[in-house]
Amino acid sequence: MLKQRIIPVQLPITFPTVADVISNEAAAFRRLSPENRALAILDLIASGEALLQNSPKCDSGLRLKEQDEQVWRKAYAEFFEQQGF
């Protein structure tokens, strides 16, 4: 049986590290105006909503979302009550 040797290939191109990609994306986001930052965040939220709606587990996702909203409503109500509103 012949032994195979693995010889690493030196590619003429390099790929960025994950840290470099994240750093570049964060820098690009910081360069956006406040309005465009808000729009980018809203776009990300809308993309998540679209994924949830098309998910085979849509029902369980919606139930979890509703539970989270109820927890937040209760927390807000308690906070406002403590503040005298």
Protein backbone atom coordinates (compact mmCIF):
# COMPACT_ATOMS: atom_id res chain seq x y z
CA MET A 1 0.00 0.00 0.00
CA LEU A 2 1.37 3.39 -0.97
CA LYS A 3 1.64 6.11 1.66
CA GLN A 4 0.16 9.38 0.57
CA ARG A 5 1.83 12.61 1.54
CA ILE A 6 -0.26 15.67 2.09
CA ILE A 7 1.45 18.78 0.82
CA PRO A 8 -0.10 22.09 1.87
CA VAL A 9 -0.91 24.39 -1.00
CA GLN A 10 0.15 28.00 -0.80
CA LEU A 11 -2.62 29.99 -2.45
CA PRO A 12 -1.73 33.31 -4.05
CA ILE A 13 -4.68 34.94 -2.28
CA THR A 14 -5.45 35.36 1.38
CA PHE A 15 -8.81 35.35 3.08
CA PRO A 16 -9.67 37.77 5.89
CA THR A 17 -10.01 36.43 9.39
CA VAL A 18 -13.42 36.43 11.05
CA ALA A 19 -12.16 39.16 13.40
CA ASP A 20 -11.17 41.35 10.44
CA VAL A 21 -14.56 40.91 8.78
CA ILE A 22 -16.40 41.82 11.99
CA SER A 23 -14.11 44.81 12.58
CA ASN A 24 -14.67 46.10 9.03
CA GLU A 25 -18.44 45.67 9.27
CA ALA A 26 -18.53 47.45 12.64
CA ALA A 27 -16.47 50.32 11.26
CA ALA A 28 -18.79 50.63 8.26
CA PHE A 29 -21.82 50.67 10.58
CA ARG A 30 -20.24 53.40 12.75
CA ARG A 31 -19.72 55.54 9.63
CA LEU A 32 -23.47 55.51 8.91
CA SER A 33 -25.63 58.45 9.89
CA PRO A 34 -27.93 57.88 12.88
CA GLU A 35 -30.90 57.62 10.51
CA ASN A 36 -29.18 55.00 8.34
CA ARG A 37 -28.10 53.08 11.46
CA ALA A 38 -31.72 52.93 12.58
CA LEU A 39 -32.80 51.83 9.09
CA ALA A 40 -30.14 49.09 9.06
CA ILE A 41 -31.34 47.79 12.43
CA LEU A 42 -34.97 47.87 11.33
CA ASP A 43 -34.01 46.03 8.13
CA LEU A 44 -32.29 43.35 10.21
CA ILE A 45 -35.39 42.99 12.40
CA ALA A 46 -37.61 42.73 9.31
CA SER A 47 -35.32 40.02 7.89
CA GLY A 48 -35.64 38.06 11.12
CA GLU A 49 -39.41 38.40 11.03
CA ALA A 50 -39.48 37.14 7.42
CA LEU A 51 -37.34 34.13 8.38
CA LEU A 52 -39.65 33.39 11.29
CA GLN A 53 -42.76 33.56 9.12
CA ASN A 54 -41.26 31.16 6.58
CA SER A 55 -39.93 28.78 9.21
CA PRO A 56 -41.43 25.31 9.64
CA LYS A 57 -41.45 26.12 13.36
CA CYS A 58 -43.35 29.37 12.87
CA ASP A 59 -46.04 28.57 15.43
CA SER A 60 -43.62 27.88 18.28
CA GLY A 61 -41.60 30.96 17.37
CA LEU A 62 -44.68 33.15 17.46
CA ARG A 63 -45.68 31.68 20.84
CA LEU A 64 -42.23 32.46 22.25
CA LYS A 65 -42.40 35.98 20.83
CA GLU A 66 -45.81 36.53 22.43
CA GLN A 67 -44.52 35.24 25.78
CA ASP A 68 -41.57 37.63 25.59
CA GLU A 69 -43.88 40.53 24.82
CA GLN A 70 -46.06 39.66 27.82
CA VAL A 71 -42.98 39.62 30.08
CA TRP A 72 -41.94 43.04 28.77
CA ARG A 73 -45.45 44.46 29.20
CA LYS A 74 -45.51 43.25 32.79
CA ALA A 75 -42.04 44.70 33.47
CA TYR A 76 -43.03 48.07 32.01
CA ALA A 77 -46.28 48.12 34.00
CA GLU A 78 -44.42 47.35 37.23
CA PHE A 79 -41.79 50.00 36.51
CA PHE A 80 -44.37 52.70 35.76
CA GLU A 81 -46.34 51.73 38.83
CA GLN A 82 -43.20 52.09 40.98
CA GLN A 83 -42.59 55.53 39.46
CA GLY A 84 -46.13 56.66 40.26
CA PHE A 85 -47.52 56.74 36.72
